[in-house]
Amino acid sequence: MKIKWLGHSAFLITSESGVRIITDPYKSGDDLKYAPVTESADVVTVSHEHYDHNFTSSVQGNPQIYRGPEPIEIKGIKFSALSVFHDNEQGKLRSKNTVVCIDVDGMRLCHLGDLGHILDAVQLNKLGKVDVLFIPVGGLWAIDAAEATKVVETVNPKVVIPMHYKNERCTFPIAPVTDFLKDKKNVTKIDGSEVEYKVGTLPPTTQIVVLKPAL
């Protein structure tokens, strides 16, 4: 399985059999200067209906769109959803958010979208064992660095991939990834946008992997 960070919260996940999944495609704009997501996909997942997460029309290939809530299987890959909130006030500020989990090639990937709060015991139980966790770390509209750290500690995935943070292509008033990485020792910075994993190659303990945006 290959994982490529396109930018912001958008990733291209390619299974060993060649099934292509894109998460949370964004619409480029004044504050979101990543190039448009025009890759082809078989499936597109959407965590919530904000323009920086739901611009499915730019994706090529006539993909099937998955927003949850019911689990579904597409081309041998299982998709499931967990309803959470986009804020820490039970959705009063920014409504709901969907955590999308993908079971592919013997591994479980969970994309937190714009999670706005710490996960409780019931939600953690529903997530189950997570191998790769895509987590927002920029704060303001989602969890910040400290909250993201707590989520990682409770979920205890094998791989953590930060997303939704400020950089030269994203000028939203959110924090950079360095805030999340501060004082953490288990960090690998990849000189590229893509990593590849198989069940036997996952790290034994939680590893934070920082990618460069492809777009």
Protein backbone atom coordinates (compact mmCIF):
# COMPACT_ATOMS: atom_id res chain seq x y z
CA MET A 1 0.00 0.00 0.00
CA LYS A 2 1.27 3.45 -0.92
CA ILE A 3 0.32 6.73 0.77
CA LYS A 4 0.95 10.06 -0.97
CA TRP A 5 0.23 13.41 0.69
CA LEU A 6 -1.33 15.63 -1.95
CA GLY A 7 -1.75 18.57 0.43
CA HIS A 8 -3.81 19.85 3.38
CA SER A 9 -5.97 16.82 4.38
CA ALA A 10 -5.92 15.14 0.97
CA PHE A 11 -4.05 11.87 0.51
CA LEU A 12 -3.88 9.38 -2.32
CA ILE A 13 -3.90 5.81 -1.01
CA THR A 14 -3.10 3.09 -3.53
CA SER A 15 -3.69 -0.54 -2.59
CA GLU A 16 -1.48 -3.40 -3.70
CA SER A 17 -4.13 -4.30 -6.27
CA GLY A 18 -4.13 -0.77 -7.66
CA VAL A 19 -7.33 0.61 -6.11
CA ARG A 20 -6.95 4.38 -5.68
CA ILE A 21 -8.55 6.27 -2.78
CA ILE A 22 -8.41 10.03 -2.26
CA THR A 23 -9.32 11.56 1.11
CA ASP A 24 -10.81 15.03 1.66
CA PRO A 25 -10.01 16.74 -1.66
CA TYR A 26 -9.78 20.53 -1.27
CA LYS A 27 -10.64 23.49 -3.48
CA SER A 28 -7.63 25.70 -4.10
CA GLY A 29 -8.01 29.37 -3.13
CA ASP A 30 -6.33 32.48 -1.77
CA ASP A 31 -5.36 30.80 1.51
CA LEU A 32 -4.98 27.29 0.13
CA LYS A 33 -2.34 27.46 -2.56
CA TYR A 34 -1.87 23.75 -3.17
CA ALA A 35 -2.42 22.84 -6.81
CA PRO A 36 -5.88 21.39 -7.58
CA VAL A 37 -6.50 17.72 -6.88
CA THR A 38 -6.96 16.32 -10.39
CA GLU A 39 -5.69 12.78 -9.85
CA SER A 40 -7.97 9.89 -10.72
CA ALA A 41 -9.50 7.69 -8.04
CA ASP A 42 -11.85 4.76 -7.56
CA VAL A 43 -13.11 6.11 -4.23
CA VAL A 44 -13.15 9.54 -2.59
CA THR A 45 -13.83 9.94 1.12
CA VAL A 46 -15.22 13.14 2.67
CA SER A 47 -15.09 13.96 6.37
CA HIS A 48 -17.33 17.05 6.28
CA GLU A 49 -18.84 19.61 3.94
CA HIS A 50 -16.29 22.42 3.94
CA TYR A 51 -14.60 23.48 0.71
CA ASP A 52 -11.15 22.47 1.88
CA HIS A 53 -12.36 18.88 2.42
CA ASN A 54 -15.21 18.11 0.00
CA PHE A 55 -14.23 19.31 -3.49
CA THR A 56 -14.93 15.96 -5.11
CA SER A 57 -15.66 17.38 -8.56
CA SER A 58 -11.98 17.95 -9.29
CA VAL A 59 -11.10 14.25 -8.90
CA GLN A 60 -10.96 12.33 -12.17
CA GLY A 61 -12.19 8.82 -12.95
CA ASN A 62 -15.85 8.98 -11.84
CA PRO A 63 -15.08 7.76 -8.30
CA GLN A 64 -17.57 6.47 -5.77
CA ILE A 65 -17.97 9.00 -2.93
CA TYR A 66 -18.01 7.76 0.66
CA ARG A 67 -19.27 10.00 3.46
CA GLY A 68 -20.56 7.28 5.79
CA PRO A 69 -22.31 6.61 8.06
CA GLU A 70 -22.91 3.00 7.06
CA PRO A 71 -19.94 0.69 6.41
CA ILE A 72 -19.39 -0.37 2.82
CA GLU A 73 -17.03 -2.54 0.80
CA ILE A 74 -15.68 -1.30 -2.52
CA LYS A 75 -13.37 -3.45 -4.65
CA GLY A 76 -12.44 -5.57 -1.65
CA ILE A 77 -11.63 -2.59 0.59
CA LYS A 78 -13.76 -1.92 3.65
CA PHE A 79 -14.81 1.62 4.59
CA SER A 80 -16.41 2.57 7.89
CA ALA A 81 -17.26 5.83 9.61
CA LEU A 82 -17.37 7.27 13.11
CA SER A 83 -19.47 10.39 13.72
CA VAL A 84 -17.67 12.96 15.88
CA PHE A 85 -17.65 16.77 16.09
CA HIS A 86 -15.82 19.59 14.35
CA ASP A 87 -15.47 21.44 17.66
CA ASN A 88 -15.29 20.76 21.38
CA GLU A 89 -18.86 21.89 22.07
CA GLN A 90 -20.79 18.92 20.66
CA GLY A 91 -21.01 20.50 17.23
CA LYS A 92 -22.54 23.82 18.35
CA LEU A 93 -19.80 25.80 16.62
CA ARG A 94 -18.95 23.86 13.46
CA SER A 95 -21.34 20.89 13.35
CA LYS A 96 -20.28 17.28 12.82
CA ASN A 97 -17.19 15.63 11.41
CA THR A 98 -16.72 12.07 10.22
CA VAL A 99 -13.73 9.88 10.97
CA VAL A 100 -13.27 7.55 8.01
CA CYS A 101 -11.49 4.23 8.51
CA ILE A 102 -10.19 2.15 5.62
CA ASP A 103 -9.25 -1.51 5.95
CA VAL A 104 -6.86 -2.23 3.10
CA ASP A 105 -4.06 -4.78 2.53
CA GLY A 106 -4.36 -6.10 6.09
CA MET A 107 -3.95 -2.65 7.65
CA ARG A 108 -6.40 -0.19 9.19
CA LEU A 109 -6.09 3.48 8.23
CA CYS A 110 -8.11 6.18 9.99
CA HIS A 111 -8.50 9.74 8.69
CA LEU A 112 -9.69 12.09 11.41
CA GLY A 113 -10.82 14.91 9.11
CA ASP A 114 -11.27 18.07 11.18
CA LEU A 115 -11.69 16.37 14.53
CA GLY A 116 -12.35 19.10 17.09
CA HIS A 117 -12.08 17.28 20.40
CA ILE A 118 -10.39 14.48 22.33
CA LEU A 119 -11.88 11.07 21.62
CA ASP A 120 -13.73 9.43 24.49
CA ALA A 121 -13.58 5.77 25.51
CA VAL A 122 -16.62 4.77 23.46
CA GLN A 123 -15.23 6.41 20.32
CA LEU A 124 -11.81 4.85 20.85
CA ASN A 125 -13.42 1.44 21.19
CA LYS A 126 -15.27 1.94 17.91
CA LEU A 127 -12.04 2.90 16.14
CA GLY A 128 -10.37 -0.28 17.28
CA LYS A 129 -6.76 -1.05 16.44
CA VAL A 130 -5.33 1.60 14.11
CA ASP A 131 -2.20 1.11 12.03
CA VAL A 132 -1.99 4.49 10.26
CA LEU A 133 -3.57 7.65 11.69
CA PHE A 134 -4.01 10.84 9.63
CA ILE A 135 -4.39 13.62 12.18
CA PRO A 136 -4.98 17.41 12.04
CA VAL A 137 -2.48 19.31 14.17
CA GLY A 138 -2.92 23.02 13.29
CA GLY A 139 -5.60 23.95 15.80
CA LEU A 140 -8.23 26.72 15.55
CA TRP A 141 -10.82 24.77 13.50
CA ALA A 142 -9.63 21.36 14.66
CA ILE A 143 -7.53 19.90 17.46
CA ASP A 144 -4.26 21.67 18.22
CA ALA A 145 -0.81 20.21 18.84
CA ALA A 146 -1.43 19.37 22.51
CA GLU A 147 -4.80 17.78 21.80
CA ALA A 148 -3.40 15.88 18.83
CA THR A 149 -0.67 14.51 21.09
CA LYS A 150 -3.32 13.21 23.51
CA VAL A 151 -5.28 11.62 20.68
CA VAL A 152 -2.15 9.85 19.43
CA GLU A 153 -1.39 8.58 22.93
CA THR A 154 -4.87 7.11 23.34
CA VAL A 155 -5.26 5.68 19.83
CA ASN A 156 -1.69 4.31 19.86
CA PRO A 157 -1.29 3.76 16.10
CA LYS A 158 1.83 2.41 14.45
CA VAL A 159 2.19 5.39 12.11
CA VAL A 160 1.02 9.00 12.58
CA ILE A 161 0.86 11.33 9.58
CA PRO A 162 0.19 15.00 10.47
CA MET A 163 -2.05 17.09 8.20
CA HIS A 164 -4.07 20.32 8.16
CA TYR A 165 -1.31 22.68 9.29
CA LYS A 166 0.17 25.96 8.15
CA ASN A 167 2.98 26.01 5.60
CA GLU A 168 4.03 27.98 2.54
CA ARG A 169 1.04 26.61 0.58
CA CYS A 170 -1.50 26.93 3.37
CA THR A 171 -1.80 30.38 4.92
CA PHE A 172 -4.82 29.68 7.10
CA PRO A 173 -4.32 31.19 10.59
CA ILE A 174 -3.39 27.80 12.04
CA ALA A 175 -0.17 26.48 13.55
CA PRO A 176 2.73 24.84 11.69
CA VAL A 177 3.61 21.18 12.13
CA THR A 178 6.62 22.13 14.26
CA ASP A 179 4.31 22.84 17.19
CA PHE A 180 3.16 19.22 17.12
CA LEU A 181 6.67 17.84 16.62
CA LYS A 182 8.21 19.76 19.52
CA ASP A 183 9.90 17.49 22.08
CA LYS A 184 8.94 14.35 20.17
CA LYS A 185 11.72 11.88 19.40
CA ASN A 186 9.93 9.36 17.22
CA VAL A 187 9.82 11.57 14.10
CA THR A 188 10.83 10.68 10.54
CA LYS A 189 10.87 13.46 7.95
CA ILE A 190 10.54 12.08 4.44
CA ASP A 191 12.21 13.97 1.59
CA GLY A 192 9.21 13.36 -0.61
CA SER A 193 5.45 13.00 -0.59
CA GLU A 194 5.03 9.22 -0.52
CA VAL A 195 5.60 6.26 1.76
CA GLU A 196 4.85 2.58 1.32
CA TYR A 197 3.82 0.06 3.97
CA LYS A 198 3.09 -3.62 4.24
CA VAL A 199 1.89 -5.41 7.36
CA GLY A 200 5.37 -6.68 8.17
CA THR A 201 7.04 -3.29 7.67
CA LEU A 202 5.04 -1.25 10.16
CA PRO A 203 7.15 0.12 13.02
CA PRO A 204 6.89 -1.69 16.38
CA THR A 205 6.10 1.55 18.23
CA THR A 206 4.36 4.75 17.19
CA GLN A 207 6.30 6.65 14.53
CA ILE A 208 5.41 10.16 13.33
CA VAL A 209 6.00 10.51 9.59
CA VAL A 210 6.14 14.01 8.07
CA LEU A 211 5.66 14.16 4.32
CA LYS A 212 6.13 16.92 1.78
CA PRO A 213 3.02 17.91 -0.18
CA ALA A 214 2.93 16.61 -3.74
CA LEU A 215 0.80 19.53 -4.94
